[in-house]
Amino acid sequence: MHSIDELIASGDLAAALAAGAEDHWGKTRRLRAELLQESDRTQLVDAPFTDSKKAEWATYRQALRDLPITYSSATSFEEIIFPTKPE
């Protein structure tokens, strides 16, 4: 997914306007999907992590998936607190 600035720079003004009009759950879903995709590798069988570290990442990923439930009463993006990535 491209940022609004990237869409404007590319000349795709319609996509930039649509991205700017995105509601707080749309932003949450987009960011959550990016963070899940970035951390997919941590759950691979041959990932270079200890079982303990894989468990930390699994917990982080579950917290990302649970955001809509955890913050079901949120009315703005600023109210949604994303979990901290394991180191």
N, C-alpha and C. Protein backbone atom coordinates (compact mmCIF):
# COMPACT_ATOMS: atom_id res chain seq x y z
N MET A 1 0.85 -1.17 0.00
CA MET A 1 0.00 0.00 0.00
C MET A 1 0.89 1.23 0.00
N HIS A 2 0.54 2.21 -0.80
CA HIS A 2 1.32 3.42 -0.91
C HIS A 2 0.77 4.49 0.03
N SER A 3 1.67 5.38 0.46
CA SER A 3 1.23 6.49 1.29
C SER A 3 0.53 7.53 0.41
N ILE A 4 -0.18 8.42 1.05
CA ILE A 4 -0.87 9.48 0.31
C ILE A 4 0.14 10.31 -0.48
N ASP A 5 1.28 10.64 0.15
CA ASP A 5 2.31 11.43 -0.53
C ASP A 5 2.85 10.71 -1.76
N GLU A 6 3.04 9.39 -1.66
CA GLU A 6 3.52 8.61 -2.80
C GLU A 6 2.49 8.61 -3.93
N LEU A 7 1.21 8.50 -3.56
CA LEU A 7 0.15 8.50 -4.58
C LEU A 7 0.07 9.85 -5.28
N ILE A 8 0.20 10.92 -4.52
CA ILE A 8 0.17 12.27 -5.12
C ILE A 8 1.36 12.44 -6.06
N ALA A 9 2.55 12.02 -5.59
CA ALA A 9 3.76 12.15 -6.41
C ALA A 9 3.65 11.34 -7.70
N SER A 10 2.96 10.21 -7.64
CA SER A 10 2.81 9.36 -8.83
C SER A 10 1.75 9.91 -9.79
N GLY A 11 0.97 10.89 -9.33
CA GLY A 11 -0.08 11.45 -10.15
C GLY A 11 -1.42 10.76 -9.99
N ASP A 12 -1.50 9.80 -9.10
CA ASP A 12 -2.75 9.07 -8.87
C ASP A 12 -3.58 9.82 -7.83
N LEU A 13 -4.16 10.93 -8.25
CA LEU A 13 -4.89 11.80 -7.32
C LEU A 13 -6.16 11.15 -6.81
N ALA A 14 -6.82 10.34 -7.62
CA ALA A 14 -8.04 9.67 -7.17
C ALA A 14 -7.72 8.73 -6.00
N ALA A 15 -6.64 7.97 -6.13
CA ALA A 15 -6.24 7.06 -5.05
C ALA A 15 -5.82 7.85 -3.82
N ALA A 16 -5.15 8.99 -4.02
CA ALA A 16 -4.73 9.81 -2.90
C ALA A 16 -5.94 10.37 -2.15
N LEU A 17 -6.95 10.80 -2.88
CA LEU A 17 -8.16 11.31 -2.25
C LEU A 17 -8.89 10.20 -1.49
N ALA A 18 -8.95 9.03 -2.08
CA ALA A 18 -9.60 7.90 -1.42
C ALA A 18 -8.84 7.53 -0.15
N ALA A 19 -7.53 7.53 -0.21
CA ALA A 19 -6.72 7.20 0.97
C ALA A 19 -6.91 8.26 2.06
N GLY A 20 -7.05 9.50 1.66
CA GLY A 20 -7.25 10.57 2.64
C GLY A 20 -8.60 10.49 3.31
N ALA A 21 -9.58 9.92 2.64
CA ALA A 21 -10.93 9.81 3.18
C ALA A 21 -11.13 8.53 4.00
N GLU A 22 -10.11 7.73 4.10
CA GLU A 22 -10.19 6.46 4.80
C GLU A 22 -10.56 6.68 6.28
N ASP A 23 -11.49 5.89 6.78
CA ASP A 23 -11.89 6.03 8.18
C ASP A 23 -10.86 5.37 9.11
N HIS A 24 -11.07 5.50 10.41
CA HIS A 24 -10.08 5.00 11.36
C HIS A 24 -9.94 3.48 11.30
N TRP A 25 -11.01 2.77 10.99
CA TRP A 25 -10.88 1.31 10.88
C TRP A 25 -10.19 0.92 9.59
N GLY A 26 -10.37 1.69 8.55
CA GLY A 26 -9.65 1.44 7.30
C GLY A 26 -8.15 1.62 7.50
N LYS A 27 -7.76 2.70 8.19
CA LYS A 27 -6.34 2.92 8.49
C LYS A 27 -5.80 1.81 9.37
N THR A 28 -6.58 1.41 10.35
CA THR A 28 -6.15 0.35 11.26
C THR A 28 -5.93 -0.95 10.50
N ARG A 29 -6.89 -1.32 9.65
CA ARG A 29 -6.76 -2.55 8.88
C ARG A 29 -5.55 -2.52 7.95
N ARG A 30 -5.34 -1.37 7.31
CA ARG A 30 -4.22 -1.25 6.38
C ARG A 30 -2.89 -1.39 7.12
N LEU A 31 -2.74 -0.66 8.23
CA LEU A 31 -1.49 -0.73 8.99
C LEU A 31 -1.31 -2.12 9.59
N ARG A 32 -2.39 -2.69 10.10
CA ARG A 32 -2.32 -4.03 10.68
C ARG A 32 -1.87 -5.04 9.64
N ALA A 33 -2.41 -4.96 8.43
CA ALA A 33 -2.03 -5.88 7.36
C ALA A 33 -0.55 -5.74 7.02
N GLU A 34 -0.06 -4.50 6.98
CA GLU A 34 1.36 -4.27 6.70
C GLU A 34 2.24 -4.87 7.80
N LEU A 35 1.85 -4.67 9.05
CA LEU A 35 2.64 -5.19 10.17
C LEU A 35 2.61 -6.71 10.21
N LEU A 36 1.47 -7.30 9.91
CA LEU A 36 1.39 -8.76 9.85
C LEU A 36 2.25 -9.31 8.72
N GLN A 37 2.19 -8.65 7.58
CA GLN A 37 3.00 -9.11 6.45
C GLN A 37 4.49 -8.99 6.77
N GLU A 38 4.89 -7.90 7.40
CA GLU A 38 6.29 -7.72 7.77
C GLU A 38 6.78 -8.80 8.74
N SER A 39 5.87 -9.30 9.55
CA SER A 39 6.27 -10.27 10.58
C SER A 39 5.95 -11.72 10.20
N ASP A 40 5.45 -11.95 9.00
CA ASP A 40 5.16 -13.32 8.56
C ASP A 40 6.38 -14.23 8.70
N ARG A 41 7.53 -13.71 8.36
CA ARG A 41 8.76 -14.52 8.36
C ARG A 41 9.10 -15.06 9.74
N THR A 42 8.62 -14.40 10.77
CA THR A 42 8.96 -14.82 12.14
C THR A 42 8.31 -16.14 12.52
N GLN A 43 7.32 -16.57 11.76
CA GLN A 43 6.59 -17.78 12.10
C GLN A 43 6.96 -18.96 11.20
N LEU A 44 7.89 -18.75 10.30
CA LEU A 44 8.33 -19.85 9.43
C LEU A 44 9.10 -20.87 10.24
N VAL A 45 9.01 -22.12 9.84
CA VAL A 45 9.68 -23.21 10.55
C VAL A 45 11.18 -22.96 10.63
N ASP A 46 11.76 -22.44 9.54
CA ASP A 46 13.21 -22.24 9.51
C ASP A 46 13.63 -20.81 9.88
N ALA A 47 12.74 -20.05 10.50
CA ALA A 47 13.09 -18.69 10.93
C ALA A 47 14.20 -18.76 11.98
N PRO A 48 15.17 -17.85 11.92
CA PRO A 48 16.32 -17.91 12.83
C PRO A 48 16.01 -17.35 14.22
N PHE A 49 14.98 -17.88 14.85
CA PHE A 49 14.57 -17.42 16.17
C PHE A 49 14.44 -18.60 17.12
N THR A 50 14.64 -18.35 18.40
CA THR A 50 14.39 -19.38 19.40
C THR A 50 12.89 -19.59 19.51
N ASP A 51 12.48 -20.70 20.12
CA ASP A 51 11.06 -20.96 20.33
C ASP A 51 10.44 -19.85 21.16
N SER A 52 11.18 -19.35 22.13
CA SER A 52 10.69 -18.27 22.99
C SER A 52 10.43 -17.00 22.18
N LYS A 53 11.37 -16.67 21.30
CA LYS A 53 11.23 -15.46 20.47
C LYS A 53 10.08 -15.64 19.47
N LYS A 54 9.93 -16.83 18.91
CA LYS A 54 8.80 -17.09 18.00
C LYS A 54 7.48 -16.91 18.74
N ALA A 55 7.44 -17.35 20.01
CA ALA A 55 6.23 -17.19 20.82
C ALA A 55 5.93 -15.71 21.06
N GLU A 56 6.97 -14.91 21.28
CA GLU A 56 6.76 -13.46 21.46
C GLU A 56 6.14 -12.86 20.20
N TRP A 57 6.68 -13.26 19.05
CA TRP A 57 6.15 -12.75 17.79
C TRP A 57 4.72 -13.24 17.55
N ALA A 58 4.44 -14.48 17.91
CA ALA A 58 3.08 -15.01 17.75
C ALA A 58 2.10 -14.22 18.62
N THR A 59 2.52 -13.87 19.83
CA THR A 59 1.67 -13.07 20.73
C THR A 59 1.43 -11.69 20.14
N TYR A 60 2.48 -11.08 19.60
CA TYR A 60 2.38 -9.76 18.95
C TYR A 60 1.40 -9.84 17.78
N ARG A 61 1.53 -10.85 16.96
CA ARG A 61 0.67 -10.99 15.79
C ARG A 61 -0.79 -11.21 16.20
N GLN A 62 -1.00 -11.97 17.28
CA GLN A 62 -2.37 -12.17 17.76
C GLN A 62 -2.95 -10.86 18.28
N ALA A 63 -2.13 -10.06 18.95
CA ALA A 63 -2.59 -8.76 19.44
C ALA A 63 -2.99 -7.86 18.27
N LEU A 64 -2.26 -7.95 17.16
CA LEU A 64 -2.64 -7.18 15.96
C LEU A 64 -4.00 -7.65 15.45
N ARG A 65 -4.19 -8.96 15.38
CA ARG A 65 -5.46 -9.49 14.90
C ARG A 65 -6.62 -9.12 15.81
N ASP A 66 -6.33 -8.97 17.10
CA ASP A 66 -7.38 -8.66 18.08
C ASP A 66 -7.72 -7.17 18.18
N LEU A 67 -7.02 -6.31 17.45
CA LEU A 67 -7.26 -4.87 17.56
C LEU A 67 -8.73 -4.48 17.40
N PRO A 68 -9.46 -5.01 16.41
CA PRO A 68 -10.87 -4.61 16.27
C PRO A 68 -11.73 -4.96 17.49
N ILE A 69 -11.39 -6.06 18.15
CA ILE A 69 -12.14 -6.46 19.35
C ILE A 69 -11.71 -5.62 20.55
N THR A 70 -10.39 -5.48 20.69
CA THR A 70 -9.83 -4.74 21.82
C THR A 70 -10.29 -3.29 21.82
N TYR A 71 -10.37 -2.69 20.65
CA TYR A 71 -10.73 -1.27 20.55
C TYR A 71 -12.06 -1.08 19.82
N SER A 72 -13.01 -1.96 20.07
CA SER A 72 -14.29 -1.90 19.36
C SER A 72 -15.04 -0.59 19.59
N SER A 73 -14.77 0.08 20.69
CA SER A 73 -15.48 1.34 20.96
C SER A 73 -14.71 2.57 20.48
N ALA A 74 -13.56 2.37 19.84
CA ALA A 74 -12.77 3.50 19.36
C ALA A 74 -13.53 4.28 18.29
N THR A 75 -13.43 5.57 18.36
CA THR A 75 -14.08 6.43 17.37
C THR A 75 -13.08 7.19 16.51
N SER A 76 -11.78 7.00 16.80
CA SER A 76 -10.74 7.62 15.98
C SER A 76 -9.51 6.74 15.96
N PHE A 77 -8.67 6.94 14.97
CA PHE A 77 -7.44 6.17 14.82
C PHE A 77 -6.51 6.39 16.01
N GLU A 78 -6.51 7.60 16.55
CA GLU A 78 -5.62 7.94 17.65
C GLU A 78 -5.92 7.15 18.93
N GLU A 79 -7.12 6.63 19.06
CA GLU A 79 -7.50 5.85 20.23
C GLU A 79 -6.97 4.42 20.19
N ILE A 80 -6.54 3.99 19.03
CA ILE A 80 -6.10 2.61 18.85
C ILE A 80 -4.61 2.53 19.10
N ILE A 81 -4.23 1.71 20.07
CA ILE A 81 -2.82 1.56 20.44
C ILE A 81 -2.32 0.22 19.91
N PHE A 82 -1.39 0.30 18.98
CA PHE A 82 -0.84 -0.91 18.38
C PHE A 82 0.16 -1.55 19.34
N PRO A 83 0.24 -2.88 19.33
CA PRO A 83 1.21 -3.56 20.20
C PRO A 83 2.64 -3.23 19.77
N THR A 84 3.55 -3.38 20.70
CA THR A 84 4.97 -3.13 20.44
C THR A 84 5.60 -4.38 19.85
N LYS A 85 6.37 -4.19 18.79
CA LYS A 85 7.06 -5.31 18.15
C LYS A 85 8.11 -5.88 19.10
N PRO A 86 8.25 -7.19 19.13
CA PRO A 86 9.34 -7.77 19.91
C PRO A 86 10.68 -7.37 19.30
N GLU A 87 11.71 -7.36 20.11
CA GLU A 87 13.04 -6.99 19.59
C GLU A 87 13.76 -8.19 19.07
